[in-house]
Amino acid sequence: MKIVVNLDVMLAKRNMRLNDLSEKVGISIQNLSILKTGKAKAMRFSTLALICEALDCQPGDLLEYLPE
């Protein structure tokens, strides 16, 4: 089972840079970059909620399940 974070896709759809998102949600660029590159092992719901609010999207827009 693999969960893919499509943060880069949503940033492109919203014409937003990672730096802009970092400022809006108060999360470091380094932590957002870990999410963006798929290297994150976990994500807090509060972080997910902040990102969804800033990008005006739903959690399903950011997360995708890929069966093995």
Protein backbone atom coordinates (compact mmCIF):
# COMPACT_ATOMS: atom_id res chain seq x y z
CA MET A 1 0.00 0.00 0.00
CA LYS A 2 1.28 3.44 -0.88
CA ILE A 3 -0.18 6.85 -0.09
CA VAL A 4 0.93 9.58 -2.50
CA VAL A 5 0.84 13.25 -1.53
CA ASN A 6 -0.11 15.39 -4.54
CA LEU A 7 0.93 18.68 -2.98
CA ASP A 8 2.89 19.71 -6.06
CA VAL A 9 -0.19 19.20 -8.24
CA MET A 10 -2.39 21.36 -6.00
CA LEU A 11 0.28 24.07 -5.80
CA ALA A 12 0.44 24.17 -9.60
CA LYS A 13 -3.36 24.32 -9.90
CA ARG A 14 -3.44 27.26 -7.48
CA ASN A 15 -0.41 28.99 -9.05
CA MET A 16 1.24 29.00 -5.65
CA ARG A 17 4.85 28.40 -4.68
CA LEU A 18 5.99 26.35 -1.70
CA ASN A 19 7.32 29.55 -0.10
CA ASP A 20 3.87 31.15 -0.31
CA LEU A 21 2.20 28.10 1.23
CA SER A 22 4.77 28.05 4.00
CA GLU A 23 3.96 31.64 4.92
CA LYS A 24 0.20 31.04 4.84
CA VAL A 25 0.17 27.93 7.02
CA GLY A 26 3.15 28.62 9.27
CA ILE A 27 4.94 25.38 8.41
CA SER A 28 8.59 25.40 7.45
CA ILE A 29 9.56 25.04 3.81
CA GLN A 30 11.67 22.02 4.77
CA ASN A 31 8.68 20.16 6.24
CA LEU A 32 6.47 21.05 3.29
CA SER A 33 9.22 19.90 0.93
CA ILE A 34 9.31 16.52 2.71
CA LEU A 35 5.56 16.20 2.10
CA LYS A 36 5.87 17.37 -1.49
CA THR A 37 8.59 14.87 -2.37
CA GLY A 38 6.73 11.95 -0.77
CA LYS A 39 9.35 11.31 1.90
CA ALA A 40 6.99 11.97 4.82
CA LYS A 41 6.02 8.96 6.94
CA ALA A 42 3.11 10.72 8.68
CA MET A 43 1.07 13.91 8.65
CA ARG A 44 -0.99 15.42 11.44
CA PHE A 45 -4.63 16.12 10.70
CA SER A 46 -4.08 19.69 11.89
CA THR A 47 -1.35 20.12 9.26
CA LEU A 48 -3.58 18.61 6.59
CA ALA A 49 -6.40 20.97 7.60
CA LEU A 50 -4.12 24.03 7.38
CA ILE A 51 -2.89 23.02 3.93
CA CYS A 52 -6.43 22.33 2.70
CA GLU A 53 -7.59 25.71 3.98
CA ALA A 54 -4.70 27.55 2.30
CA LEU A 55 -5.16 25.72 -1.00
CA ASP A 56 -8.98 25.70 -0.84
CA CYS A 57 -9.13 21.96 -1.43
CA GLN A 58 -10.24 18.70 0.19
CA PRO A 59 -7.92 16.09 1.75
CA GLY A 60 -8.74 13.78 -1.16
CA ASP A 61 -7.28 16.34 -3.53
CA LEU A 62 -3.93 16.00 -1.75
CA LEU A 63 -3.82 12.31 -0.85
CA GLU A 64 -4.07 9.34 -3.20
CA TYR A 65 -4.00 5.63 -2.41
CA LEU A 66 -2.09 3.39 -4.80
CA PRO A 67 -2.39 -0.36 -4.24
CA GLU A 68 0.76 -2.38 -4.75
